Amino acid sequence: MNRIKSLFQKKRNDGKSVFITYLVCGDPDIKTTYNLMNIMVEAGVDIIELGMPFTDPIADGPTIQKGVERSLTKKTSLKDIFDVVKKFRKKNLHTPIVLMGYMNPIEKIGYEKFSLLSKNCGADGILIVDSPPEESKKINKILKNKDLCQIFLASPTTEQSRLKKIINSTSGYLYYVSIKGITGSKINNYKTIENRVNQIRIMSKNKIPITVGFGIKDKKTAKAISKFSDGIIIGSSVVELIEKNIHNKPIMFKNMKNYLKNIYKGMQNR
């Protein structure tokens, strides 16, 4: 069974929520990405979403956009991304990796090749931000044939008819965007998010895990969201921490581990 599916099944049986983090691959360089991936696992992270840098990250806020720019300055390529996952897999065979990005680079090398390279390097899922279910039938089929999950996004403004299509197309987990806007925005109302997550859960007949991202920055928000979701996703805060300590890697690694450990502890005491 796919690592993502196995993990959510185990966590659900244990009554636990899944801890997911995002970082831009190659920010500020590939070696640092590899080190941070290992630190994340040590801190309690269950799934790593690895951002594939693209020149026009339309869904991302200023913090992640800067991370993408730093990565592109180092000319990070898809090959670099596949290579770092392959290196990570030499020591870690259990932590699921999701490659997250935009359609353009995937279109460029072709669906079949991208899917094959993703599978061979040890990735478990793909999240393509600008590929809605209506336009994803071909790549969705190819990814499924390689036992790769395709994760889709849903938001507070997603209409019921579209939500059904998203639920039917997604596998692994559904990424619920908790608030309107871009990454890095602030959560103001937990109850609204909880109600929406429960609606999606009913619509999916509880067959697909619902994770929540955007706006989760600290132990308090992580604990609150993990009480009613199958997983929480933290991205902008991770990338911001990288930026703040970019000239002192030992401090970056130490602060990252402490920050994520604190989040993890909050999720355990929900």
Protein backbone atom coordinates (compact mmCIF):
# COMPACT_ATOMS: atom_id res chain seq x y z
CA MET A 1 0.00 0.00 0.00
CA ASN A 2 1.09 3.58 -0.72
CA ARG A 3 2.93 5.11 2.26
CA ILE A 4 0.48 8.02 2.53
CA LYS A 5 -2.56 5.76 2.73
CA SER A 6 -0.88 3.45 5.26
CA LEU A 7 0.11 6.39 7.47
CA PHE A 8 -3.36 7.93 7.62
CA GLN A 9 -4.89 4.54 8.32
CA LYS A 10 -2.51 3.96 11.24
CA LYS A 11 -2.98 7.48 12.65
CA ARG A 12 -6.76 7.19 12.41
CA ASN A 13 -6.65 3.88 14.28
CA ASP A 14 -4.50 5.55 16.97
CA GLY A 15 -6.77 8.60 17.20
CA LYS A 16 -3.95 10.90 16.08
CA SER A 17 -3.68 13.72 13.54
CA VAL A 18 -0.96 13.73 10.86
CA PHE A 19 1.76 16.40 10.97
CA ILE A 20 2.69 17.71 7.50
CA THR A 21 5.31 20.33 6.69
CA TYR A 22 6.20 22.12 3.46
CA LEU A 23 9.49 23.52 2.27
CA VAL A 24 10.75 24.74 -1.08
CA CYS A 25 13.28 22.31 -2.52
CA GLY A 26 16.60 24.09 -3.03
CA ASP A 27 15.90 26.91 -0.57
CA PRO A 28 18.53 28.09 0.00
CA ASP A 29 20.33 25.07 -1.54
CA ILE A 30 19.86 21.34 -2.07
CA LYS A 31 22.16 20.27 0.76
CA THR A 32 20.17 22.37 3.25
CA THR A 33 16.91 20.90 1.94
CA TYR A 34 18.20 17.38 2.56
CA ASN A 35 19.34 18.26 6.09
CA LEU A 36 16.02 19.94 6.89
CA MET A 37 14.04 16.93 5.66
CA ASN A 38 15.87 14.73 8.16
CA ILE A 39 15.46 17.29 10.95
CA MET A 40 11.73 17.43 10.26
CA VAL A 41 11.42 13.68 10.72
CA GLU A 42 13.43 13.85 13.97
CA ALA A 43 11.05 16.56 15.22
CA GLY A 44 7.94 14.42 14.66
CA VAL A 45 6.84 15.37 11.14
CA ASP A 46 4.86 12.60 9.41
CA ILE A 47 4.74 13.81 5.79
CA ILE A 48 6.99 16.23 3.91
CA GLU A 49 5.58 18.32 1.07
CA LEU A 50 8.52 19.27 -1.12
CA GLY A 51 7.90 22.37 -3.21
CA MET A 52 8.98 22.25 -6.85
CA PRO A 53 10.07 25.85 -7.57
CA PHE A 54 8.31 27.61 -10.44
CA THR A 55 8.64 31.16 -11.73
CA ASP A 56 4.96 32.05 -11.20
CA PRO A 57 3.76 30.61 -7.85
CA ILE A 58 0.31 32.24 -8.02
CA ALA A 59 -1.16 30.57 -4.89
CA ASP A 60 1.76 31.42 -2.61
CA GLY A 61 2.25 34.43 -0.38
CA PRO A 62 5.35 36.66 -0.19
CA THR A 63 7.24 34.37 2.21
CA ILE A 64 7.08 31.27 0.01
CA GLN A 65 7.60 33.35 -3.14
CA LYS A 66 10.91 34.53 -1.69
CA GLY A 67 11.85 30.92 -0.94
CA VAL A 68 11.05 29.99 -4.54
CA GLU A 69 13.19 32.88 -5.79
CA ARG A 70 16.13 31.76 -3.63
CA SER A 71 15.81 28.25 -5.02
CA LEU A 72 15.55 29.39 -8.63
CA THR A 73 18.63 31.58 -8.15
CA LYS A 74 20.49 28.32 -7.51
CA LYS A 75 18.90 26.90 -10.69
CA THR A 76 17.10 24.08 -8.86
CA SER A 77 15.70 21.65 -11.42
CA LEU A 78 13.30 18.70 -11.36
CA LYS A 79 16.36 16.45 -11.54
CA ASP A 80 17.71 18.05 -8.34
CA ILE A 81 14.35 17.39 -6.66
CA PHE A 82 14.26 13.74 -7.71
CA ASP A 83 17.88 13.33 -6.61
CA VAL A 84 17.30 14.75 -3.11
CA VAL A 85 14.29 12.47 -2.57
CA LYS A 86 16.33 9.50 -3.78
CA LYS A 87 19.11 10.41 -1.33
CA PHE A 88 16.56 10.81 1.49
CA ARG A 89 15.14 7.36 0.71
CA LYS A 90 18.52 5.70 1.28
CA LYS A 91 18.07 6.28 5.02
CA ASN A 92 14.32 6.77 5.34
CA LEU A 93 11.87 4.29 3.86
CA HIS A 94 8.80 5.23 5.89
CA THR A 95 8.17 9.03 5.69
CA PRO A 96 5.86 9.89 2.76
CA ILE A 97 7.04 12.58 0.36
CA VAL A 98 4.61 14.73 -1.65
CA LEU A 99 5.95 16.76 -4.57
CA MET A 100 4.02 20.02 -4.71
CA GLY A 101 4.09 22.56 -7.50
CA TYR A 102 2.61 23.80 -10.75
CA MET A 103 1.71 22.18 -14.05
CA ASN A 104 4.16 23.94 -16.37
CA PRO A 105 7.36 21.98 -15.49
CA ILE A 106 5.37 18.72 -15.52
CA GLU A 107 3.88 19.48 -18.93
CA LYS A 108 7.36 20.23 -20.19
CA ILE A 109 8.78 16.76 -19.50
CA GLY A 110 5.49 14.90 -20.02
CA TYR A 111 3.10 13.13 -17.66
CA GLU A 112 4.48 9.64 -18.16
CA LYS A 113 8.10 10.62 -17.61
CA PHE A 114 7.31 12.81 -14.62
CA SER A 115 5.24 10.06 -13.00
CA LEU A 116 7.92 7.44 -13.63
CA LEU A 117 10.72 9.63 -12.25
CA SER A 118 8.61 10.56 -9.22
CA LYS A 119 7.89 6.92 -8.46
CA ASN A 120 11.48 5.80 -9.03
CA CYS A 121 12.95 8.43 -6.72
CA GLY A 122 10.65 7.38 -3.88
CA ALA A 123 7.89 10.02 -3.90
CA ASP A 124 4.41 8.99 -2.76
CA GLY A 125 2.12 11.77 -3.91
CA ILE A 126 1.78 14.77 -6.18
CA LEU A 127 -0.04 18.04 -5.56
CA ILE A 128 -0.41 20.26 -8.62
CA VAL A 129 -1.79 23.61 -7.48
CA ASP A 130 -3.08 24.80 -10.86
CA SER A 131 -4.51 21.51 -12.12
CA PRO A 132 -8.23 21.23 -11.24
CA PRO A 133 -9.95 17.83 -11.37
CA GLU A 134 -11.76 18.79 -14.59
CA GLU A 135 -8.39 19.02 -16.35
CA SER A 136 -6.55 16.25 -14.52
CA LYS A 137 -8.12 13.03 -15.81
CA LYS A 138 -5.13 12.03 -17.92
CA ILE A 139 -2.40 12.69 -15.36
CA ASN A 140 -4.62 11.36 -12.56
CA LYS A 141 -4.87 8.00 -14.34
CA ILE A 142 -1.13 7.87 -15.02
CA LEU A 143 -0.27 8.69 -11.39
CA LYS A 144 -2.67 6.04 -10.09
CA ASN A 145 -1.06 3.45 -12.36
CA LYS A 146 2.25 4.26 -10.65
CA ASP A 147 0.62 4.03 -7.17
CA LEU A 148 1.14 7.76 -6.66
CA CYS A 149 -1.56 9.74 -4.87
CA GLN A 150 -2.81 12.94 -6.48
CA ILE A 151 -3.84 15.40 -3.81
CA PHE A 152 -6.30 18.18 -4.63
CA LEU A 153 -7.13 21.47 -2.92
CA ALA A 154 -10.52 22.63 -1.67
CA SER A 155 -11.29 26.05 -0.21
CA PRO A 156 -14.06 27.85 1.73
CA THR A 157 -15.48 29.08 -1.60
CA THR A 158 -15.50 25.71 -3.39
CA GLU A 159 -19.03 24.97 -4.61
CA GLN A 160 -20.68 21.68 -3.65
CA SER A 161 -20.72 20.35 -7.23
CA ARG A 162 -16.98 20.99 -7.63
CA LEU A 163 -16.27 19.61 -4.19
CA LYS A 164 -17.77 16.28 -5.25
CA LYS A 165 -15.43 16.18 -8.26
CA ILE A 166 -12.44 16.99 -6.03
CA ILE A 167 -13.38 14.26 -3.54
CA ASN A 168 -13.78 11.71 -6.34
CA SER A 169 -10.44 12.64 -7.91
CA THR A 170 -8.20 13.01 -4.87
CA SER A 171 -6.33 10.19 -3.18
CA GLY A 172 -4.07 10.08 -0.14
CA TYR A 173 -5.65 13.15 1.46
CA LEU A 174 -7.57 16.27 0.59
CA TYR A 175 -5.84 19.58 1.30
CA TYR A 176 -8.41 22.00 2.71
CA VAL A 177 -7.33 25.64 2.45
CA SER A 178 -8.64 27.03 5.73
CA ILE A 179 -9.02 30.68 4.73
CA LYS A 180 -9.54 32.83 1.67
CA GLY A 181 -6.33 34.29 0.30
CA ILE A 182 -2.72 33.22 -0.07
CA THR A 183 -0.33 31.20 2.05
CA GLY A 184 0.73 32.95 5.24
CA SER A 185 -2.69 34.41 6.05
CA LYS A 186 -4.09 34.35 9.60
CA ILE A 187 -6.87 32.13 10.99
CA ASN A 188 -9.62 34.02 12.80
CA ASN A 189 -12.42 31.47 13.23
CA TYR A 190 -11.80 27.81 14.11
CA LYS A 191 -15.49 26.87 14.25
CA THR A 192 -16.08 27.87 10.63
CA ILE A 193 -13.19 25.66 9.55
CA GLU A 194 -14.39 22.77 11.70
CA ASN A 195 -17.90 22.98 10.23
CA ARG A 196 -16.54 22.93 6.69
CA VAL A 197 -14.21 20.00 7.41
CA ASN A 198 -17.15 18.05 8.84
CA GLN A 199 -19.26 18.84 5.75
CA ILE A 200 -16.50 17.51 3.49
CA ARG A 201 -16.10 14.44 5.69
CA ILE A 202 -19.82 13.67 5.32
CA MET A 203 -19.72 14.22 1.57
CA SER A 204 -16.74 11.88 1.21
CA LYS A 205 -18.39 9.31 3.51
CA ASN A 206 -15.23 9.52 5.62
CA LYS A 207 -13.26 7.71 2.90
CA ILE A 208 -10.64 10.41 2.31
CA PRO A 209 -8.57 12.09 5.07
CA ILE A 210 -9.12 15.85 5.37
CA THR A 211 -6.03 17.91 6.16
CA VAL A 212 -5.98 21.65 6.85
CA GLY A 213 -3.37 24.15 5.72
CA PHE A 214 -2.87 27.96 5.51
CA GLY A 215 -2.70 30.02 8.69
CA ILE A 216 -1.30 27.37 11.04
CA LYS A 217 1.74 28.98 12.63
CA ASP A 218 2.10 27.87 16.24
CA LYS A 219 1.32 25.27 18.90
CA LYS A 220 -2.05 26.85 19.70
CA THR A 221 -3.42 26.82 16.15
CA ALA A 222 -1.94 23.37 15.44
CA LYS A 223 -3.60 21.93 18.54
CA ALA A 224 -6.97 23.52 17.76
CA ILE A 225 -7.05 22.38 14.11
CA SER A 226 -5.76 18.87 14.84
CA LYS A 227 -8.72 18.27 17.16
CA PHE A 228 -11.12 17.98 14.20
CA SER A 229 -8.92 17.30 11.15
CA ASP A 230 -6.98 14.26 9.97
CA GLY A 231 -3.85 16.37 9.56
CA ILE A 232 -2.37 19.86 9.73
CA ILE A 233 -0.01 21.46 7.22
CA ILE A 234 2.58 24.12 8.06
CA GLY A 235 4.44 25.88 5.25
CA SER A 236 4.98 29.64 5.43
CA SER A 237 6.30 29.55 9.00
CA VAL A 238 8.88 26.92 8.02
CA VAL A 239 10.04 28.94 5.00
CA GLU A 240 10.14 32.12 7.11
CA LEU A 241 12.34 30.40 9.68
CA ILE A 242 14.72 29.36 6.89
CA GLU A 243 14.90 32.96 5.66
CA LYS A 244 15.57 34.39 9.12
CA ASN A 245 18.53 32.06 9.71
CA ILE A 246 19.78 31.75 6.17
CA HIS A 247 23.33 32.88 7.04
CA ASN A 248 23.70 30.60 10.05
CA LYS A 249 22.80 27.00 9.19
CA PRO A 250 23.49 25.49 12.65
CA ILE A 251 21.08 27.99 14.23
CA MET A 252 18.58 27.36 11.42
CA PHE A 253 18.64 23.61 12.08
CA LYS A 254 18.39 24.05 15.85
CA ASN A 255 15.52 26.53 15.66
CA MET A 256 13.67 24.43 13.08
CA LYS A 257 13.86 21.33 15.23
CA ASN A 258 12.71 23.18 18.36
CA TYR A 259 9.86 24.90 16.51
CA LEU A 260 8.53 21.70 14.96
CA LYS A 261 8.95 19.70 18.18
CA ASN A 262 6.80 22.29 19.94
CA ILE A 263 4.09 21.97 17.29
CA TYR A 264 4.25 18.17 17.52
CA LYS A 265 3.85 18.24 21.31
CA GLY A 266 0.78 20.43 20.98
CA MET A 267 -0.80 17.96 18.59
CA GLN A 268 -0.25 15.07 21.03
CA ASN A 269 -2.11 16.88 23.81
CA ARG A 270 -5.29 17.61 21.95
